[in-house]
Amino acid sequence: MMFLYYMRRVHKIRSFLAGACSGLLALLLVHYAGTWIGYSPALNLLHVLQAGILGVPGVILMVCCTLPSEKLGQIKRTPPKRCPFFIQH
């Protein structure tokens, strides 16, 4: 999808470089300021490629997809109550 966006632009390379630089800057910003939002992504190859190719929307997608899954692990799950109609042996 981003490939089609960059191909339709007049200045294709300049547009791609601006998107990649802004994505990497956003990744660094989220990485170093991540303690305030509770998520600090690691600076590994996958995250750098995602931020470089998709830009700022890629970083936003990374944060939005990771935060709910971390919060789900903190929810207390209670075991189901036993049904009084069945006899337990």
PDB file of N, CA and C in Angstrom:
ATOM      1  N   MET A   1       0.822  -1.178   0.000  1.00  0.00           N
ATOM      2  CA  MET A   1       0.000   0.000   0.000  1.00  0.00           C
ATOM      3  C   MET A   1       0.879   1.260   0.000  1.00  0.00           C
ATOM      4  N   MET A   2       1.902   1.263   0.845  1.00  0.00           N
ATOM      5  CA  MET A   2       2.795   2.416   0.861  1.00  0.00           C
ATOM      6  C   MET A   2       3.591   2.494  -0.446  1.00  0.00           C
ATOM      7  N   PHE A   3       3.865   1.338  -1.050  1.00  0.00           N
ATOM      8  CA  PHE A   3       4.568   1.326  -2.329  1.00  0.00           C
ATOM      9  C   PHE A   3       3.757   2.068  -3.384  1.00  0.00           C
ATOM     10  N   LEU A   4       2.448   1.807  -3.422  1.00  0.00           N
ATOM     11  CA  LEU A   4       1.586   2.509  -4.377  1.00  0.00           C
ATOM     12  C   LEU A   4       1.517   3.998  -4.081  1.00  0.00           C
ATOM     13  N   TYR A   5       1.531   4.351  -2.808  1.00  0.00           N
ATOM     14  CA  TYR A   5       1.508   5.761  -2.434  1.00  0.00           C
ATOM     15  C   TYR A   5       2.770   6.461  -2.931  1.00  0.00           C
ATOM     16  N   TYR A   6       3.917   5.824  -2.721  1.00  0.00           N
ATOM     17  CA  TYR A   6       5.171   6.447  -3.139  1.00  0.00           C
ATOM     18  C   TYR A   6       5.299   6.491  -4.665  1.00  0.00           C
ATOM     19  N   MET A   7       4.747   5.514  -5.368  1.00  0.00           N
ATOM     20  CA  MET A   7       4.846   5.498  -6.823  1.00  0.00           C
ATOM     21  C   MET A   7       3.978   6.577  -7.476  1.00  0.00           C
ATOM     22  N   ARG A   8       2.921   7.011  -6.808  1.00  0.00           N
ATOM     23  CA  ARG A   8       2.052   8.046  -7.368  1.00  0.00           C
ATOM     24  C   ARG A   8       2.582   9.457  -7.127  1.00  0.00           C
ATOM     25  N   ARG A   9       3.558   9.586  -6.276  1.00  0.00           N
ATOM     26  CA  ARG A   9       4.106  10.903  -5.961  1.00  0.00           C
ATOM     27  C   ARG A   9       5.004  11.394  -7.092  1.00  0.00           C
ATOM     28  N   VAL A  10       5.139  12.702  -7.225  1.00  0.00           N
ATOM     29  CA  VAL A  10       5.998  13.279  -8.255  1.00  0.00           C
ATOM     30  C   VAL A  10       7.464  13.046  -7.901  1.00  0.00           C
ATOM     31  N   HIS A  11       7.831  13.325  -6.672  1.00  0.00           N
ATOM     32  CA  HIS A  11       9.202  13.097  -6.201  1.00  0.00           C
ATOM     33  C   HIS A  11       9.213  11.819  -5.370  1.00  0.00           C
ATOM     34  N   LYS A  12       9.367  10.696  -6.053  1.00  0.00           N
ATOM     35  CA  LYS A  12       9.223   9.393  -5.408  1.00  0.00           C
ATOM     36  C   LYS A  12      10.294   9.149  -4.341  1.00  0.00           C
ATOM     37  N   ILE A  13      11.534   9.377  -4.681  1.00  0.00           N
ATOM     38  CA  ILE A  13      12.622   9.080  -3.751  1.00  0.00           C
ATOM     39  C   ILE A  13      12.607  10.044  -2.572  1.00  0.00           C
ATOM     40  N   ARG A  14      12.373  11.309  -2.844  1.00  0.00           N
ATOM     41  CA  ARG A  14      12.331  12.290  -1.761  1.00  0.00           C
ATOM     42  C   ARG A  14      11.157  12.006  -0.823  1.00  0.00           C
ATOM     43  N   SER A  15      10.039  11.600  -1.383  1.00  0.00           N
ATOM     44  CA  SER A  15       8.873  11.272  -0.566  1.00  0.00           C
ATOM     45  C   SER A  15       9.138  10.041   0.302  1.00  0.00           C
ATOM     46  N   PHE A  16       9.785   9.018  -0.279  1.00  0.00           N
ATOM     47  CA  PHE A  16      10.107   7.820   0.481  1.00  0.00           C
ATOM     48  C   PHE A  16      11.098   8.133   1.601  1.00  0.00           C
ATOM     49  N   LEU A  17      12.111   8.915   1.291  1.00  0.00           N
ATOM     50  CA  LEU A  17      13.105   9.253   2.312  1.00  0.00           C
ATOM     51  C   LEU A  17      12.500  10.088   3.438  1.00  0.00           C
ATOM     52  N   ALA A  18      11.602  11.000   3.097  1.00  0.00           N
ATOM     53  CA  ALA A  18      10.940  11.798   4.137  1.00  0.00           C
ATOM     54  C   ALA A  18      10.062  10.913   5.018  1.00  0.00           C
ATOM     55  N   GLY A  19       9.342   9.970   4.415  1.00  0.00           N
ATOM     56  CA  GLY A  19       8.508   9.053   5.191  1.00  0.00           C
ATOM     57  C   GLY A  19       9.331   8.126   6.056  1.00  0.00           C
ATOM     58  N   ALA A  20      10.458   7.636   5.522  1.00  0.00           N
ATOM     59  CA  ALA A  20      11.321   6.740   6.290  1.00  0.00           C
ATOM     60  C   ALA A  20      11.970   7.482   7.455  1.00  0.00           C
ATOM     61  N   CYS A  21      12.458   8.698   7.197  1.00  0.00           N
ATOM     62  CA  CYS A  21      13.094   9.470   8.275  1.00  0.00           C
ATOM     63  C   CYS A  21      12.099   9.834   9.370  1.00  0.00           C
ATOM     64  N   SER A  22      10.889  10.220   8.983  1.00  0.00           N
ATOM     65  CA  SER A  22       9.891  10.561   9.995  1.00  0.00           C
ATOM     66  C   SER A  22       9.456   9.318  10.776  1.00  0.00           C
ATOM     67  N   GLY A  23       9.392   8.170  10.121  1.00  0.00           N
ATOM     68  CA  GLY A  23       9.052   6.930  10.814  1.00  0.00           C
ATOM     69  C   GLY A  23      10.124   6.507  11.795  1.00  0.00           C
ATOM     70  N   LEU A  24      11.388   6.628  11.381  1.00  0.00           N
ATOM     71  CA  LEU A  24      12.484   6.275  12.290  1.00  0.00           C
ATOM     72  C   LEU A  24      12.568   7.250  13.454  1.00  0.00           C
ATOM     73  N   LEU A  25      12.306   8.521  13.188  1.00  0.00           N
ATOM     74  CA  LEU A  25      12.292   9.505  14.270  1.00  0.00           C
ATOM     75  C   LEU A  25      11.153   9.217  15.253  1.00  0.00           C
ATOM     76  N   ALA A  26       9.995   8.831  14.724  1.00  0.00           N
ATOM     77  CA  ALA A  26       8.864   8.476  15.591  1.00  0.00           C
ATOM     78  C   ALA A  26       9.180   7.225  16.413  1.00  0.00           C
ATOM     79  N   LEU A  27       9.871   6.259  15.802  1.00  0.00           N
ATOM     80  CA  LEU A  27      10.260   5.053  16.542  1.00  0.00           C
ATOM     81  C   LEU A  27      11.217   5.395  17.676  1.00  0.00           C
ATOM     82  N   LEU A  28      12.188   6.255  17.413  1.00  0.00           N
ATOM     83  CA  LEU A  28      13.109   6.664  18.468  1.00  0.00           C
ATOM     84  C   LEU A  28      12.391   7.439  19.565  1.00  0.00           C
ATOM     85  N   LEU A  29      11.452   8.283  19.174  1.00  0.00           N
ATOM     86  CA  LEU A  29      10.687   9.049  20.151  1.00  0.00           C
ATOM     87  C   LEU A  29       9.863   8.130  21.051  1.00  0.00           C
ATOM     88  N   VAL A  30       9.204   7.147  20.454  1.00  0.00           N
ATOM     89  CA  VAL A  30       8.405   6.200  21.246  1.00  0.00           C
ATOM     90  C   VAL A  30       9.319   5.328  22.100  1.00  0.00           C
ATOM     91  N   HIS A  31      10.484   4.979  21.575  1.00  0.00           N
ATOM     92  CA  HIS A  31      11.407   4.134  22.335  1.00  0.00           C
ATOM     93  C   HIS A  31      11.919   4.855  23.591  1.00  0.00           C
ATOM     94  N   TYR A  32      12.333   6.100  23.427  1.00  0.00           N
ATOM     95  CA  TYR A  32      12.909   6.811  24.569  1.00  0.00           C
ATOM     96  C   TYR A  32      11.862   7.447  25.478  1.00  0.00           C
ATOM     97  N   ALA A  33      10.699   7.781  24.956  1.00  0.00           N
ATOM     98  CA  ALA A  33       9.644   8.368  25.783  1.00  0.00           C
ATOM     99  C   ALA A  33       8.574   7.333  26.120  1.00  0.00           C
ATOM    100  N   GLY A  34       8.872   6.079  25.907  1.00  0.00           N
ATOM    101  CA  GLY A  34       7.889   5.022  26.105  1.00  0.00           C
ATOM    102  C   GLY A  34       7.518   4.748  27.541  1.00  0.00           C
ATOM    103  N   THR A  35       8.291   5.247  28.483  1.00  0.00           N
ATOM    104  CA  THR A  35       7.950   4.999  29.882  1.00  0.00           C
ATOM    105  C   THR A  35       6.670   5.733  30.277  1.00  0.00           C
ATOM    106  N   TRP A  36       6.356   6.816  29.593  1.00  0.00           N
ATOM    107  CA  TRP A  36       5.131   7.561  29.913  1.00  0.00           C
ATOM    108  C   TRP A  36       3.886   6.856  29.406  1.00  0.00           C
ATOM    109  N   ILE A  37       4.004   6.110  28.321  1.00  0.00           N
ATOM    110  CA  ILE A  37       2.828   5.413  27.798  1.00  0.00           C
ATOM    111  C   ILE A  37       2.822   3.940  28.182  1.00  0.00           C
ATOM    112  N   GLY A  38       3.882   3.467  28.797  1.00  0.00           N
ATOM    113  CA  GLY A  38       3.915   2.083  29.261  1.00  0.00           C
ATOM    114  C   GLY A  38       4.408   1.096  28.233  1.00  0.00           C
ATOM    115  N   TYR A  39       4.959   1.562  27.132  1.00  0.00           N
ATOM    116  CA  TYR A  39       5.466   0.659  26.097  1.00  0.00           C
ATOM    117  C   TYR A  39       6.692   1.282  25.458  1.00  0.00           C
ATOM    118  N   SER A  40       7.773   0.574  25.476  1.00  0.00           N
ATOM    119  CA  SER A  40       9.004   1.031  24.861  1.00  0.00           C
ATOM    120  C   SER A  40       9.475  -0.055  23.902  1.00  0.00           C
ATOM    121  N   PRO A  41       9.261   0.112  22.596  1.00  0.00           N
ATOM    122  CA  PRO A  41       9.633  -0.949  21.655  1.00  0.00           C
ATOM    123  C   PRO A  41      11.144  -1.103  21.553  1.00  0.00           C
ATOM    124  N   ALA A  42      11.560  -2.314  21.347  1.00  0.00           N
ATOM    125  CA  ALA A  42      12.981  -2.571  21.172  1.00  0.00           C
ATOM    126  C   ALA A  42      13.422  -2.047  19.809  1.00  0.00           C
ATOM    127  N   LEU A  43      14.672  -1.652  19.730  1.00  0.00           N
ATOM    128  CA  LEU A  43      15.205  -1.180  18.456  1.00  0.00           C
ATOM    129  C   LEU A  43      15.871  -2.350  17.742  1.00  0.00           C
ATOM    130  N   ASN A  44      15.058  -3.224  17.178  1.00  0.00           N
ATOM    131  CA  ASN A  44      15.592  -4.359  16.437  1.00  0.00           C
ATOM    132  C   ASN A  44      15.306  -4.171  14.943  1.00  0.00           C
ATOM    133  N   LEU A  45      15.770  -5.092  14.141  1.00  0.00           N
ATOM    134  CA  LEU A  45      15.672  -4.968  12.697  1.00  0.00           C
ATOM    135  C   LEU A  45      14.222  -4.916  12.219  1.00  0.00           C
ATOM    136  N   LEU A  46      13.351  -5.718  12.807  1.00  0.00           N
ATOM    137  CA  LEU A  46      11.951  -5.747  12.389  1.00  0.00           C
ATOM    138  C   LEU A  46      11.267  -4.408  12.643  1.00  0.00           C
ATOM    139  N   HIS A  47      11.472  -3.832  13.807  1.00  0.00           N
ATOM    140  CA  HIS A  47      10.840  -2.550  14.118  1.00  0.00           C
ATOM    141  C   HIS A  47      11.411  -1.415  13.269  1.00  0.00           C
ATOM    142  N   VAL A  48      12.707  -1.453  13.007  1.00  0.00           N
ATOM    143  CA  VAL A  48      13.319  -0.417  12.172  1.00  0.00           C
ATOM    144  C   VAL A  48      12.805  -0.517  10.740  1.00  0.00           C
ATOM    145  N   LEU A  49      12.670  -1.739  10.208  1.00  0.00           N
ATOM    146  CA  LEU A  49      12.123  -1.903   8.862  1.00  0.00           C
ATOM    147  C   LEU A  49      10.668  -1.462   8.792  1.00  0.00           C
ATOM    148  N   GLN A  50       9.897  -1.802   9.805  1.00  0.00           N
ATOM    149  CA  GLN A  50       8.490  -1.395   9.826  1.00  0.00           C
ATOM    150  C   GLN A  50       8.374   0.123   9.872  1.00  0.00           C
ATOM    151  N   ALA A  51       9.166   0.769  10.682  1.00  0.00           N
ATOM    152  CA  ALA A  51       9.116   2.229  10.770  1.00  0.00           C
ATOM    153  C   ALA A  51       9.672   2.869   9.512  1.00  0.00           C
ATOM    154  N   GLY A  52      10.688   2.263   8.911  1.00  0.00           N
ATOM    155  CA  GLY A  52      11.282   2.828   7.711  1.00  0.00           C
ATOM    156  C   GLY A  52      10.403   2.698   6.486  1.00  0.00           C
ATOM    157  N   ILE A  53       9.708   1.586   6.350  1.00  0.00           N
ATOM    158  CA  ILE A  53       8.871   1.364   5.166  1.00  0.00           C
ATOM    159  C   ILE A  53       7.502   2.001   5.330  1.00  0.00           C
ATOM    160  N   LEU A  54       6.873   1.800   6.481  1.00  0.00           N
ATOM    161  CA  LEU A  54       5.515   2.312   6.676  1.00  0.00           C
ATOM    162  C   LEU A  54       5.484   3.729   7.231  1.00  0.00           C
ATOM    163  N   GLY A  55       6.577   4.175   7.814  1.00  0.00           N
ATOM    164  CA  GLY A  55       6.637   5.532   8.348  1.00  0.00           C
ATOM    165  C   GLY A  55       5.924   5.650   9.688  1.00  0.00           C
ATOM    166  N   VAL A  56       5.390   6.830   9.935  1.00  0.00           N
ATOM    167  CA  VAL A  56       4.705   7.098  11.207  1.00  0.00           C
ATOM    168  C   VAL A  56       3.481   6.193  11.394  1.00  0.00           C
ATOM    169  N   PRO A  57       2.680   5.909  10.345  1.00  0.00           N
ATOM    170  CA  PRO A  57       1.564   4.967  10.555  1.00  0.00           C
ATOM    171  C   PRO A  57       2.025   3.584  11.013  1.00  0.00           C
ATOM    172  N   GLY A  58       3.199   3.150  10.592  1.00  0.00           N
ATOM    173  CA  GLY A  58       3.731   1.869  11.053  1.00  0.00           C
ATOM    174  C   GLY A  58       4.053   1.875  12.530  1.00  0.00           C
ATOM    175  N   VAL A  59       4.572   2.987  13.018  1.00  0.00           N
ATOM    176  CA  VAL A  59       4.886   3.100  14.455  1.00  0.00           C
ATOM    177  C   VAL A  59       3.589   3.156  15.261  1.00  0.00           C
ATOM    178  N   ILE A  60       2.614   3.891  14.774  1.00  0.00           N
ATOM    179  CA  ILE A  60       1.320   3.962  15.461  1.00  0.00           C
ATOM    180  C   ILE A  60       0.672   2.583  15.494  1.00  0.00           C
ATOM    181  N   LEU A  61       0.747   1.855  14.395  1.00  0.00           N
ATOM    182  CA  LEU A  61       0.197   0.497  14.340  1.00  0.00           C
ATOM    183  C   LEU A  61       0.921  -0.416  15.326  1.00  0.00           C
ATOM    184  N   MET A  62       2.235  -0.271  15.426  1.00  0.00           N
ATOM    185  CA  MET A  62       3.017  -1.084  16.358  1.00  0.00           C
ATOM    186  C   MET A  62       2.574  -0.841  17.800  1.00  0.00           C
ATOM    187  N   VAL A  63       2.389   0.414  18.162  1.00  0.00           N
ATOM    188  CA  VAL A  63       1.982   0.750  19.533  1.00  0.00           C
ATOM    189  C   VAL A  63       0.556   0.287  19.799  1.00  0.00           C
ATOM    190  N   CYS A  64      -0.351   0.519  18.846  1.00  0.00           N
ATOM    191  CA  CYS A  64      -1.760   0.153  19.046  1.00  0.00           C
ATOM    192  C   CYS A  64      -1.962  -1.357  19.118  1.00  0.00           C
ATOM    193  N   CYS A  65      -1.174  -2.117  18.402  1.00  0.00           N
ATOM    194  CA  CYS A  65      -1.323  -3.574  18.438  1.00  0.00           C
ATOM    195  C   CYS A  65      -0.650  -4.200  19.658  1.00  0.00           C
ATOM    196  N   THR A  66       0.320  -3.533  20.239  1.00  0.00           N
ATOM    197  CA  THR A  66       1.046  -4.103  21.363  1.00  0.00           C
ATOM    198  C   THR A  66       0.398  -3.765  22.697  1.00  0.00           C
ATOM    199  N   LEU A  67      -0.106  -2.558  22.865  1.00  0.00           N
ATOM    200  CA  LEU A  67      -0.667  -2.156  24.155  1.00  0.00           C
ATOM    201  C   LEU A  67      -1.855  -3.014  24.595  1.00  0.00           C
ATOM    202  N   PRO A  68      -2.839  -3.304  23.740  1.00  0.00           N
ATOM    203  CA  PRO A  68      -3.949  -4.152  24.217  1.00  0.00           C
ATOM    204  C   PRO A  68      -3.500  -5.557  24.603  1.00  0.00           C
ATOM    205  N   SER A  69      -2.534  -6.130  23.897  1.00  0.00           N
ATOM    206  CA  SER A  69      -2.106  -7.486  24.243  1.00  0.00           C
ATOM    207  C   SER A  69      -1.357  -7.506  25.574  1.00  0.00           C
ATOM    208  N   GLU A  70      -0.639  -6.430  25.901  1.00  0.00           N
ATOM    209  CA  GLU A  70       0.016  -6.376  27.207  1.00  0.00           C
ATOM    210  C   GLU A  70      -1.006  -6.188  28.316  1.00  0.00           C
ATOM    211  N   LYS A  71      -2.055  -5.424  28.066  1.00  0.00           N
ATOM    212  CA  LYS A  71      -3.076  -5.197  29.091  1.00  0.00           C
ATOM    213  C   LYS A  71      -3.895  -6.456  29.327  1.00  0.00           C
ATOM    214  N   LEU A  72      -4.062  -7.310  28.315  1.00  0.00           N
ATOM    215  CA  LEU A  72      -4.830  -8.541  28.494  1.00  0.00           C
ATOM    216  C   LEU A  72      -4.140  -9.490  29.465  1.00  0.00           C
ATOM    217  N   GLY A  73      -2.826  -9.452  29.513  1.00  0.00           N
ATOM    218  CA  GLY A  73      -2.103 -10.314  30.436  1.00  0.00           C
ATOM    219  C   GLY A  73      -2.259  -9.885  31.881  1.00  0.00           C
ATOM    220  N   GLN A  74      -2.701  -8.660  32.123  1.00  0.00           N
ATOM    221  CA  GLN A  74      -2.852  -8.160  33.483  1.00  0.00           C
ATOM    222  C   GLN A  74      -4.256  -8.378  34.039  1.00  0.00           C
ATOM    223  N   ILE A  75      -5.184  -8.845  33.220  1.00  0.00           N
ATOM    224  CA  ILE A  75      -6.558  -9.055  33.665  1.00  0.00           C
ATOM    225  C   ILE A  75      -6.617 -10.336  34.501  1.00  0.00           C
ATOM    226  N   LYS A  76      -7.247 -10.249  35.662  1.00  0.00           N
ATOM    227  CA  LYS A  76      -7.422 -11.439  36.497  1.00  0.00           C
ATOM    228  C   LYS A  76      -8.538 -12.284  35.906  1.00  0.00           C
ATOM    229  N   ARG A  77      -8.226 -13.529  35.704  1.00  0.00           N
ATOM    230  CA  ARG A  77      -9.226 -14.449  35.173  1.00  0.00           C
ATOM    231  C   ARG A  77      -9.667 -15.357  36.301  1.00  0.00           C
ATOM    232  N   THR A  78     -10.948 -15.353  36.584  1.00  0.00           N
ATOM    233  CA  THR A  78     -11.467 -16.203  37.641  1.00  0.00           C
ATOM    234  C   THR A  78     -11.935 -17.513  37.032  1.00  0.00           C
ATOM    235  N   PRO A  79     -11.721 -18.611  37.724  1.00  0.00           N
ATOM    236  CA  PRO A  79     -12.191 -19.890  37.186  1.00  0.00           C
ATOM    237  C   PRO A  79     -13.714 -19.932  37.199  1.00  0.00           C
ATOM    238  N   PRO A  80     -14.304 -20.680  36.295  1.00  0.00           N
ATOM    239  CA  PRO A  80     -15.768 -20.756  36.266  1.00  0.00           C
ATOM    240  C   PRO A  80     -16.310 -21.410  37.527  1.00  0.00           C
ATOM    241  N   LYS A  81     -17.484 -20.970  37.946  1.00  0.00           N
ATOM    242  CA  LYS A  81     -18.111 -21.540  39.133  1.00  0.00           C
ATOM    243  C   LYS A  81     -18.683 -22.908  38.790  1.00  0.00           C
ATOM    244  N   ARG A  82     -18.709 -23.739  39.808  1.00  0.00           N
ATOM    245  CA  ARG A  82     -19.261 -25.079  39.589  1.00  0.00           C
ATOM    246  C   ARG A  82     -20.779 -25.011  39.525  1.00  0.00           C
ATOM    247  N   CYS A  83     -21.305 -25.747  38.632  1.00  0.00           N
ATOM    248  CA  CYS A  83     -22.748 -25.768  38.457  1.00  0.00           C
ATOM    249  C   CYS A  83     -23.365 -26.676  39.522  1.00  0.00           C
ATOM    250  N   PRO A  84     -24.350 -26.186  40.283  1.00  0.00           N
ATOM    251  CA  PRO A  84     -24.924 -27.016  41.356  1.00  0.00           C
ATOM    252  C   PRO A  84     -25.801 -28.141  40.840  1.00  0.00           C
ATOM    253  N   PHE A  85     -26.132 -28.126  39.558  1.00  0.00           N
ATOM    254  CA  PHE A  85     -27.036 -29.128  39.037  1.00  0.00           C
ATOM    255  C   PHE A  85     -26.337 -30.433  38.651  1.00  0.00           C
ATOM    256  N   PHE A  86     -25.027 -30.382  38.541  1.00  0.00           N
ATOM    257  CA  PHE A  86     -24.276 -31.582  38.180  1.00  0.00           C
ATOM    258  C   PHE A  86     -23.601 -32.132  39.422  1.00  0.00           C
ATOM    259  N   ILE A  87     -23.587 -33.429  39.533  1.00  0.00           N
ATOM    260  CA  ILE A  87     -22.950 -34.078  40.674  1.00  0.00           C
ATOM    261  C   ILE A  87     -21.475 -34.256  40.353  1.00  0.00           C
ATOM    262  N   GLN A  88     -20.638 -33.764  41.221  1.00  0.00           N
ATOM    263  CA  GLN A  88     -19.200 -33.887  41.041  1.00  0.00           C
ATOM    264  C   GLN A  88     -18.725 -35.152  41.733  1.00  0.00           C
ATOM    265  N   HIS A  89     -18.008 -36.010  41.054  1.00  0.00           N
ATOM    266  CA  HIS A  89     -17.492 -37.251  41.682  1.00  0.00           C
ATOM    267  C   HIS A  89     -16.057 -37.087  42.011  1.00  0.00           C
TER     268      HIS A  89
END
